Amino acid sequence: MYIEGFVLAVPTANKEKYRQHAESAVPIFKEFGMTRMVECWGEDIPDGTMTDFKRAVQAKDDETVVFSWCEYPDKLTRDEASQKMMSDPRMAEMAECPFDTKRMIYSGFAPILSEGNDKGAGYIDGFVIPLPVVRQADYQALAEAAAPVFIDHGATGVVETWGEDLMRGEVTDYYRAVEATDDETVVFSWIAWPSKEARDSGNKAAMEDERFAAMGPDSMPFDGKRMIMGGFVPIVDTAR
């Protein structure tokens, strides 16, 4: 699997227009090789001290952050799909987007962990994290240890990916979103839950689990102050 991950700001009043716009693209994207599209509408987006989802896409007060991804069988299929999208006249007909595309951030990510089943979730915790390249093995070990804890406390699936094809944008991009340095890559990941209620109780229980306590703060192979996170409700999931 290969992931193309997106974060964008959509005028809150355009929620239904955005959902319809995304759904109209599904048949074309599937023709190009996409296997799944998920669009998640921000519901619990906290302000961060250094970084957060709102600042990542310069969201305004009347805008909502969207966390989304498309799945492909592999990177080659995704790259070929990107080329086809640029030349297909049907994409030109969809050019009028209900959001500011200049502030949308997107890039390609390679999965390093997929635990459980994230399909058909009622609630998604989304994360974007700066990760020193030299600590990738440490992060994978931490992810493999943490995922079963979340699942034991009600999460249905955990997916971790890290940047393989990170793009630089004119206005926004993943590097700026988490203030990544030249020796860092970016993690794009999510935890799937049946509902927000399940997430709130399950997340609390997971944080109190002795397995998390055993990991300790020193086991975190990244700067937690620059990690951005938020809670989202799926409004499109082609796997449903």
Protein backbone atom coordinates (compact mmCIF):
# COMPACT_ATOMS: atom_id res chain seq x y z
CA MET A 1 0.00 0.00 0.00
CA TYR A 2 1.05 3.59 -0.61
CA ILE A 3 -0.58 6.65 0.93
CA GLU A 4 -1.12 10.15 -0.41
CA GLY A 5 -1.93 12.22 2.65
CA PHE A 6 -3.70 15.58 2.64
CA VAL A 7 -4.41 18.36 5.13
CA LEU A 8 -6.48 21.35 4.03
CA ALA A 9 -8.71 24.16 5.26
CA VAL A 10 -12.31 24.25 3.99
CA PRO A 11 -14.82 27.03 4.67
CA THR A 12 -17.13 25.52 7.28
CA ALA A 13 -20.15 26.61 5.24
CA ASN A 14 -18.84 24.52 2.31
CA LYS A 15 -18.86 21.18 4.15
CA GLU A 16 -21.51 19.57 1.92
CA LYS A 17 -20.01 21.10 -1.24
CA TYR A 18 -16.65 19.65 -0.25
CA ARG A 19 -18.11 16.21 0.42
CA GLN A 20 -19.84 16.20 -2.96
CA HIS A 21 -16.67 17.44 -4.68
CA ALA A 22 -14.64 14.61 -3.14
CA GLU A 23 -17.21 11.95 -4.00
CA SER A 24 -17.38 13.15 -7.61
CA ALA A 25 -13.64 12.50 -7.95
CA VAL A 26 -13.84 8.92 -6.64
CA PRO A 27 -14.76 7.17 -9.94
CA ILE A 28 -11.95 8.94 -11.79
CA PHE A 29 -9.38 8.26 -9.10
CA LYS A 30 -10.38 4.59 -8.96
CA GLU A 31 -9.94 4.37 -12.72
CA PHE A 32 -6.40 5.66 -12.19
CA GLY A 33 -5.66 2.97 -9.60
CA MET A 34 -6.75 4.44 -6.26
CA THR A 35 -8.18 1.76 -3.98
CA ARG A 36 -9.65 3.92 -1.22
CA MET A 37 -10.40 7.55 -0.38
CA VAL A 38 -11.09 8.83 3.13
CA GLU A 39 -12.08 12.42 3.96
CA CYS A 40 -12.29 13.43 7.62
CA TRP A 41 -13.88 16.65 8.92
CA GLY A 42 -12.23 18.33 11.91
CA GLU A 43 -14.19 18.15 15.17
CA ASP A 44 -11.62 18.38 17.96
CA ILE A 45 -8.66 20.44 16.73
CA PRO A 46 -6.67 21.76 19.70
CA ASP A 47 -4.38 24.77 19.59
CA GLY A 48 -0.73 23.85 20.04
CA THR A 49 2.12 25.73 21.69
CA MET A 50 4.41 25.55 18.66
CA THR A 51 2.43 23.81 15.90
CA ASP A 52 -1.11 22.61 15.23
CA PHE A 53 -3.41 21.63 12.36
CA LYS A 54 -4.90 25.11 12.02
CA ARG A 55 -1.53 26.79 11.61
CA ALA A 56 -0.37 24.02 9.28
CA VAL A 57 -2.86 25.19 6.61
CA GLN A 58 -3.35 28.77 7.86
CA ALA A 59 -6.99 28.02 8.67
CA LYS A 60 -9.22 31.02 9.27
CA ASP A 61 -11.86 31.34 11.96
CA ASP A 62 -14.61 30.37 9.51
CA GLU A 63 -12.73 27.33 8.18
CA THR A 64 -12.48 23.70 9.30
CA VAL A 65 -9.41 21.48 8.93
CA VAL A 66 -9.79 18.33 6.82
CA PHE A 67 -7.49 15.32 7.28
CA SER A 68 -7.66 12.95 4.34
CA TRP A 69 -5.83 10.27 2.43
CA CYS A 70 -5.95 8.17 -0.73
CA GLU A 71 -4.64 4.62 -0.85
CA TYR A 72 -2.85 3.05 -3.83
CA PRO A 73 -1.38 -0.45 -4.32
CA ASP A 74 2.12 1.02 -4.58
CA LYS A 75 4.09 4.21 -5.25
CA LEU A 76 4.32 3.58 -8.99
CA THR A 77 0.53 3.44 -9.31
CA ARG A 78 0.21 6.66 -7.33
CA ASP A 79 2.85 8.42 -9.46
CA GLU A 80 1.18 7.33 -12.68
CA ALA A 81 -2.21 8.43 -11.31
CA SER A 82 -0.81 11.88 -10.55
CA GLN A 83 0.35 12.24 -14.14
CA LYS A 84 -3.02 11.13 -15.49
CA MET A 85 -4.85 13.60 -13.27
CA MET A 86 -2.84 16.46 -14.73
CA SER A 87 -3.87 15.64 -18.30
CA ASP A 88 -7.37 14.19 -17.97
CA PRO A 89 -10.02 16.69 -19.18
CA ARG A 90 -12.46 15.45 -16.54
CA MET A 91 -10.16 16.82 -13.87
CA ALA A 92 -10.20 20.22 -15.57
CA GLU A 93 -13.99 20.19 -15.31
CA MET A 94 -13.59 19.79 -11.54
CA ALA A 95 -11.11 22.65 -11.27
CA GLU A 96 -13.43 24.88 -9.22
CA CYS A 97 -12.70 23.64 -5.70
CA PRO A 98 -14.71 24.69 -2.62
CA PHE A 99 -11.48 25.54 -0.74
CA ASP A 100 -8.17 27.35 -1.21
CA THR A 101 -5.90 24.83 -2.97
CA LYS A 102 -2.83 27.02 -2.39
CA ARG A 103 -2.96 26.19 1.31
CA MET A 104 -3.56 22.46 0.85
CA ILE A 105 -0.63 20.26 1.83
CA TYR A 106 -0.13 16.79 0.40
CA SER A 107 2.66 14.28 -0.12
CA GLY A 108 3.41 10.58 -0.54
CA PHE A 109 3.91 8.29 2.46
CA ALA A 110 5.11 4.72 2.84
CA PRO A 111 3.26 2.62 5.47
CA ILE A 112 5.39 1.11 8.21
CA LEU A 113 2.57 -0.34 10.32
CA SER A 114 -1.07 -1.31 9.83
CA GLU A 115 -2.64 -2.95 12.86
CA GLY A 116 -6.28 -3.99 13.12
CA ASN A 117 -8.92 -2.64 10.73
CA ASP A 118 -9.31 1.11 10.17
CA LYS A 119 -12.12 0.78 7.59
CA GLY A 120 -15.56 2.16 8.36
CA ALA A 121 -14.40 4.05 11.46
CA GLY A 122 -16.71 6.51 13.18
CA TYR A 123 -13.88 8.69 14.44
CA ILE A 124 -10.25 9.28 13.48
CA ASP A 125 -7.34 10.66 15.49
CA GLY A 126 -4.94 12.17 12.96
CA PHE A 127 -1.26 12.93 13.58
CA VAL A 128 1.59 14.68 11.76
CA ILE A 129 4.98 14.31 13.45
CA PRO A 130 8.56 15.44 12.71
CA LEU A 131 10.91 12.45 12.91
CA PRO A 132 14.72 12.45 12.74
CA VAL A 133 15.69 10.17 9.88
CA VAL A 134 18.21 8.39 12.09
CA ARG A 135 15.41 7.49 14.56
CA GLN A 136 13.12 5.74 12.08
CA ALA A 137 13.82 2.28 13.51
CA ASP A 138 13.15 3.59 17.03
CA TYR A 139 9.86 5.11 15.92
CA GLN A 140 8.76 1.89 14.27
CA ALA A 141 9.54 -0.06 17.43
CA LEU A 142 7.53 2.44 19.49
CA ALA A 143 4.61 2.27 17.04
CA GLU A 144 4.60 -1.52 17.14
CA ALA A 145 4.53 -1.46 20.93
CA ALA A 146 1.82 1.22 21.21
CA ALA A 147 -0.65 0.00 18.58
CA PRO A 148 -1.82 -3.10 20.51
CA VAL A 149 -2.45 -0.93 23.57
CA PHE A 150 -4.84 1.34 21.68
CA ILE A 151 -6.59 -1.64 20.10
CA ASP A 152 -6.96 -3.36 23.48
CA HIS A 153 -8.76 -0.24 24.69
CA GLY A 154 -11.24 0.09 21.84
CA ALA A 155 -9.43 1.38 18.76
CA THR A 156 -10.25 -0.62 15.65
CA GLY A 157 -7.09 0.15 13.69
CA VAL A 158 -3.76 1.98 13.75
CA VAL A 159 -1.84 3.03 10.64
CA GLU A 160 1.62 4.63 10.65
CA THR A 161 3.36 6.01 7.56
CA TRP A 162 6.39 8.17 6.99
CA GLY A 163 7.30 10.59 4.26
CA GLU A 164 8.86 9.15 1.15
CA ASP A 165 7.91 11.84 -1.36
CA LEU A 166 7.56 15.06 0.63
CA MET A 167 6.80 18.13 -1.46
CA ARG A 168 7.77 21.74 -0.83
CA GLY A 169 4.89 24.17 -1.26
CA GLU A 170 4.82 27.89 -1.97
CA VAL A 171 2.52 28.69 0.95
CA THR A 172 2.26 25.55 3.11
CA ASP A 173 3.78 22.06 3.27
CA TYR A 174 4.42 19.25 5.73
CA TYR A 175 7.89 20.50 6.60
CA ARG A 176 6.56 23.86 7.72
CA ALA A 177 3.55 22.25 9.39
CA VAL A 178 5.77 20.66 12.06
CA GLU A 179 8.83 22.91 11.65
CA ALA A 180 10.86 19.93 10.41
CA THR A 181 14.60 20.35 10.10
CA ASP A 182 16.75 19.17 7.19
CA ASP A 183 17.59 15.91 8.96
CA GLU A 184 13.95 15.01 9.66
CA THR A 185 11.17 13.32 7.73
CA VAL A 186 7.44 13.58 8.54
CA VAL A 187 5.09 10.92 9.92
CA PHE A 188 1.44 10.89 8.77
CA SER A 189 -0.63 8.52 10.88
CA TRP A 190 -4.08 7.83 12.30
CA ILE A 191 -5.95 5.79 14.90
CA ALA A 192 -9.46 4.60 14.01
CA TRP A 193 -12.21 4.40 16.62
CA PRO A 194 -15.89 3.36 16.48
CA SER A 195 -16.98 6.77 17.84
CA LYS A 196 -15.74 9.87 19.65
CA GLU A 197 -17.06 8.45 22.92
CA ALA A 198 -15.06 5.27 22.36
CA ARG A 199 -12.02 7.37 21.55
CA ASP A 200 -12.30 9.56 24.65
CA SER A 201 -12.65 6.63 27.05
CA GLY A 202 -10.25 4.36 25.18
CA ASN A 203 -7.54 6.97 24.85
CA LYS A 204 -7.71 7.73 28.57
CA ALA A 205 -7.47 4.03 29.41
CA ALA A 206 -4.56 3.57 27.02
CA MET A 207 -2.63 6.46 28.58
CA GLU A 208 -3.11 4.85 32.01
CA ASP A 209 -2.08 1.40 30.78
CA GLU A 210 1.08 0.12 32.46
CA ARG A 211 2.48 -0.77 29.04
CA PHE A 212 2.54 2.94 28.16
CA ALA A 213 4.06 3.81 31.51
CA ALA A 214 6.81 1.28 30.81
CA MET A 215 7.69 3.06 27.57
CA GLY A 216 8.49 6.29 29.44
CA PRO A 217 9.10 9.79 28.01
CA ASP A 218 12.68 8.96 27.03
CA SER A 219 11.39 6.39 24.51
CA MET A 220 9.82 9.10 22.34
CA PRO A 221 12.15 9.43 19.32
CA PHE A 222 10.78 12.81 18.21
CA ASP A 223 10.02 16.29 19.52
CA GLY A 224 6.53 15.99 21.00
CA LYS A 225 6.18 19.79 21.18
CA ARG A 226 6.06 19.92 17.37
CA MET A 227 3.67 16.98 16.91
CA ILE A 228 0.24 18.04 15.67
CA MET A 229 -2.89 16.03 16.37
CA GLY A 230 -6.65 16.31 16.14
CA GLY A 231 -9.94 14.44 16.13
CA PHE A 232 -11.90 14.03 12.90
CA VAL A 233 -15.20 12.56 11.72
CA PRO A 234 -15.09 10.69 8.38
CA ILE A 235 -17.49 12.20 5.84
CA VAL A 236 -16.29 10.06 2.90
CA ASP A 237 -14.86 6.55 3.15
CA THR A 238 -15.06 4.45 0.02
CA ALA A 239 -14.37 1.32 2.11
CA ARG A 240 -17.73 1.61 3.87
